[in-house]
N, C-alpha and C. Protein backbone atom coordinates (compact mmCIF):
# COMPACT_ATOMS: atom_id res chain seq x y z
N MET A 1 -96.19 -77.97 26.59
CA MET A 1 -96.84 -76.94 27.36
C MET A 1 -97.66 -77.59 28.48
N GLU A 2 -97.57 -77.03 29.68
CA GLU A 2 -98.29 -77.58 30.82
C GLU A 2 -99.76 -77.20 30.76
N GLU A 3 -100.60 -78.15 31.20
CA GLU A 3 -102.02 -77.88 31.29
C GLU A 3 -102.30 -77.18 32.62
N THR A 4 -103.06 -76.11 32.58
CA THR A 4 -103.39 -75.41 33.82
C THR A 4 -104.68 -75.96 34.38
N GLN A 5 -104.77 -75.92 35.69
CA GLN A 5 -105.94 -76.43 36.38
C GLN A 5 -106.56 -75.30 37.18
N GLU A 6 -107.84 -75.10 36.99
CA GLU A 6 -108.54 -74.06 37.74
C GLU A 6 -109.00 -74.63 39.07
N ILE A 7 -108.63 -73.94 40.12
CA ILE A 7 -109.04 -74.34 41.46
C ILE A 7 -110.15 -73.37 41.88
N ASN A 8 -111.31 -73.92 42.22
CA ASN A 8 -112.42 -73.06 42.62
C ASN A 8 -113.08 -73.58 43.89
N ALA A 9 -114.01 -72.82 44.40
CA ALA A 9 -114.68 -73.15 45.66
C ALA A 9 -115.44 -74.47 45.56
N GLN A 10 -116.03 -74.76 44.42
CA GLN A 10 -116.77 -76.00 44.26
C GLN A 10 -115.84 -77.22 44.34
N THR A 11 -114.67 -77.13 43.72
CA THR A 11 -113.72 -78.23 43.76
C THR A 11 -113.23 -78.47 45.18
N ILE A 12 -112.83 -77.41 45.85
CA ILE A 12 -112.34 -77.54 47.22
C ILE A 12 -113.46 -78.07 48.13
N GLY A 13 -114.66 -77.52 47.98
CA GLY A 13 -115.78 -77.97 48.81
C GLY A 13 -116.13 -79.43 48.60
N LYS A 14 -116.15 -79.84 47.34
CA LYS A 14 -116.45 -81.24 47.03
C LYS A 14 -115.43 -82.16 47.68
N ASN A 15 -114.18 -81.76 47.64
CA ASN A 15 -113.12 -82.58 48.23
C ASN A 15 -113.14 -82.57 49.75
N ILE A 16 -113.52 -81.45 50.35
CA ILE A 16 -113.67 -81.43 51.81
C ILE A 16 -114.73 -82.45 52.21
N GLY A 17 -115.86 -82.44 51.51
CA GLY A 17 -116.93 -83.38 51.80
C GLY A 17 -116.51 -84.82 51.59
N ARG A 18 -115.82 -85.09 50.49
CA ARG A 18 -115.38 -86.45 50.17
C ARG A 18 -114.43 -86.97 51.23
N ILE A 19 -113.43 -86.16 51.56
CA ILE A 19 -112.41 -86.60 52.53
C ILE A 19 -113.02 -86.73 53.93
N ARG A 20 -113.91 -85.82 54.28
CA ARG A 20 -114.58 -85.91 55.57
C ARG A 20 -115.36 -87.23 55.68
N GLN A 21 -116.10 -87.56 54.64
CA GLN A 21 -116.88 -88.80 54.64
C GLN A 21 -115.98 -90.03 54.66
N GLU A 22 -114.87 -89.98 53.94
CA GLU A 22 -113.93 -91.11 53.95
C GLU A 22 -113.39 -91.37 55.36
N HIS A 23 -113.34 -90.32 56.18
CA HIS A 23 -112.86 -90.46 57.56
C HIS A 23 -114.00 -90.71 58.54
N GLY A 24 -115.21 -90.87 58.03
CA GLY A 24 -116.34 -91.22 58.86
C GLY A 24 -116.81 -90.12 59.80
N GLU A 25 -116.55 -88.88 59.42
CA GLU A 25 -116.97 -87.75 60.25
C GLU A 25 -118.21 -87.09 59.66
N THR A 26 -119.02 -86.53 60.54
CA THR A 26 -120.16 -85.73 60.11
C THR A 26 -119.73 -84.27 59.98
N GLN A 27 -120.59 -83.50 59.34
CA GLN A 27 -120.32 -82.06 59.26
C GLN A 27 -120.28 -81.46 60.65
N GLN A 28 -121.12 -81.94 61.52
CA GLN A 28 -121.16 -81.44 62.89
C GLN A 28 -119.85 -81.74 63.62
N GLN A 29 -119.30 -82.93 63.42
CA GLN A 29 -118.04 -83.28 64.08
C GLN A 29 -116.88 -82.44 63.58
N LEU A 30 -116.80 -82.24 62.26
CA LEU A 30 -115.73 -81.40 61.73
C LEU A 30 -115.92 -79.96 62.21
N GLY A 31 -117.16 -79.49 62.20
CA GLY A 31 -117.42 -78.14 62.69
C GLY A 31 -117.01 -77.97 64.14
N ALA A 32 -117.31 -78.96 64.98
CA ALA A 32 -116.93 -78.89 66.40
C ALA A 32 -115.42 -78.83 66.55
N PHE A 33 -114.71 -79.61 65.76
CA PHE A 33 -113.24 -79.59 65.80
C PHE A 33 -112.72 -78.20 65.46
N LEU A 34 -113.34 -77.56 64.48
CA LEU A 34 -112.88 -76.24 64.02
C LEU A 34 -113.46 -75.09 64.84
N GLY A 35 -114.47 -75.38 65.66
CA GLY A 35 -115.12 -74.33 66.42
C GLY A 35 -116.23 -73.63 65.65
N TYR A 36 -116.79 -74.31 64.66
CA TYR A 36 -117.87 -73.78 63.83
C TYR A 36 -119.06 -74.72 63.89
N GLY A 37 -120.18 -74.27 63.35
CA GLY A 37 -121.36 -75.11 63.27
C GLY A 37 -121.36 -75.93 61.99
N ALA A 38 -122.26 -76.90 61.95
CA ALA A 38 -122.39 -77.76 60.77
C ALA A 38 -122.78 -76.96 59.53
N THR A 39 -123.49 -75.86 59.72
CA THR A 39 -123.90 -75.02 58.58
C THR A 39 -122.69 -74.43 57.88
N THR A 40 -121.69 -74.03 58.62
CA THR A 40 -120.47 -73.49 58.01
C THR A 40 -119.80 -74.56 57.16
N ILE A 41 -119.73 -75.78 57.68
CA ILE A 41 -119.11 -76.87 56.92
C ILE A 41 -119.93 -77.16 55.67
N ALA A 42 -121.25 -77.16 55.80
CA ALA A 42 -122.12 -77.37 54.63
C ALA A 42 -121.88 -76.28 53.58
N ASN A 43 -121.67 -75.04 54.03
CA ASN A 43 -121.38 -73.95 53.09
C ASN A 43 -120.05 -74.16 52.39
N TYR A 44 -119.05 -74.67 53.11
CA TYR A 44 -117.77 -74.99 52.46
C TYR A 44 -117.97 -76.07 51.41
N GLU A 45 -118.66 -77.14 51.80
CA GLU A 45 -118.80 -78.30 50.91
C GLU A 45 -119.64 -78.00 49.68
N SER A 46 -120.56 -77.06 49.79
CA SER A 46 -121.39 -76.70 48.63
C SER A 46 -120.68 -75.71 47.71
N GLY A 47 -119.55 -75.17 48.18
CA GLY A 47 -118.83 -74.18 47.39
C GLY A 47 -119.38 -72.78 47.58
N TYR A 48 -120.33 -72.62 48.50
CA TYR A 48 -120.90 -71.30 48.77
C TYR A 48 -119.89 -70.38 49.45
N ARG A 49 -119.06 -70.97 50.31
CA ARG A 49 -118.01 -70.23 51.01
C ARG A 49 -116.72 -71.03 50.96
N LEU A 50 -115.61 -70.34 51.06
CA LEU A 50 -114.31 -70.98 51.21
C LEU A 50 -113.80 -70.75 52.62
N PRO A 51 -113.15 -71.76 53.20
CA PRO A 51 -112.54 -71.52 54.51
C PRO A 51 -111.37 -70.55 54.36
N ASP A 52 -111.10 -69.78 55.41
CA ASP A 52 -109.90 -68.93 55.37
C ASP A 52 -108.68 -69.85 55.39
N LEU A 53 -107.52 -69.31 55.13
CA LEU A 53 -106.31 -70.14 55.00
C LEU A 53 -105.98 -70.92 56.26
N VAL A 54 -106.11 -70.30 57.43
CA VAL A 54 -105.81 -71.00 58.68
C VAL A 54 -106.75 -72.18 58.85
N THR A 55 -108.04 -71.95 58.62
CA THR A 55 -109.02 -73.03 58.74
C THR A 55 -108.76 -74.12 57.72
N PHE A 56 -108.45 -73.73 56.49
CA PHE A 56 -108.16 -74.70 55.44
C PHE A 56 -106.97 -75.58 55.83
N PHE A 57 -105.90 -74.98 56.33
CA PHE A 57 -104.74 -75.77 56.74
C PHE A 57 -105.06 -76.67 57.93
N ARG A 58 -105.93 -76.21 58.82
CA ARG A 58 -106.34 -77.07 59.95
C ARG A 58 -107.11 -78.29 59.44
N ILE A 59 -107.96 -78.10 58.43
CA ILE A 59 -108.70 -79.22 57.85
C ILE A 59 -107.73 -80.20 57.20
N VAL A 60 -106.80 -79.68 56.42
CA VAL A 60 -105.81 -80.53 55.75
C VAL A 60 -105.03 -81.35 56.77
N GLN A 61 -104.55 -80.71 57.82
CA GLN A 61 -103.78 -81.41 58.85
C GLN A 61 -104.65 -82.40 59.63
N HIS A 62 -105.87 -82.03 59.91
CA HIS A 62 -106.79 -82.88 60.66
C HIS A 62 -106.95 -84.24 59.98
N TYR A 63 -106.99 -84.23 58.67
CA TYR A 63 -107.18 -85.47 57.92
C TYR A 63 -105.87 -86.09 57.44
N GLY A 64 -104.75 -85.47 57.77
CA GLY A 64 -103.46 -86.01 57.35
C GLY A 64 -103.34 -86.06 55.84
N ALA A 65 -103.92 -85.08 55.20
CA ALA A 65 -103.97 -85.03 53.74
C ALA A 65 -102.96 -84.01 53.22
N THR A 66 -102.95 -83.84 51.90
CA THR A 66 -102.11 -82.83 51.27
C THR A 66 -103.01 -81.77 50.65
N LEU A 67 -102.45 -80.64 50.34
CA LEU A 67 -103.21 -79.59 49.66
C LEU A 67 -103.78 -80.10 48.33
N GLU A 68 -102.99 -80.92 47.65
CA GLU A 68 -103.42 -81.45 46.35
C GLU A 68 -104.66 -82.31 46.49
N ASP A 69 -104.81 -83.01 47.62
CA ASP A 69 -106.00 -83.83 47.84
C ASP A 69 -107.27 -82.99 47.80
N PHE A 70 -107.17 -81.73 48.18
CA PHE A 70 -108.33 -80.86 48.25
C PHE A 70 -108.52 -80.01 47.00
N THR A 71 -107.52 -79.97 46.12
CA THR A 71 -107.61 -79.11 44.95
C THR A 71 -107.76 -79.87 43.64
N LYS A 72 -107.65 -81.19 43.68
CA LYS A 72 -107.79 -81.93 42.42
C LYS A 72 -109.25 -82.06 42.02
N PRO A 73 -109.50 -81.95 40.74
CA PRO A 73 -110.91 -82.02 40.26
C PRO A 73 -111.49 -83.42 40.43
């Protein structure tokens, strides 16, 4: 039987922050790329908000990552 994995806002947010930092970007720089402020990025990373699908895919592509990179615990 396969183990199921719960994907939640905290997991995605933590991974956005981790991957952003690995690429040496600030929240302000990622926000500018997306057309948002640093506060929006901070809200994503804290799990307070989730990016919409278009924004999420833009983040994934921006870092040359995969969806799994952002959803793994």
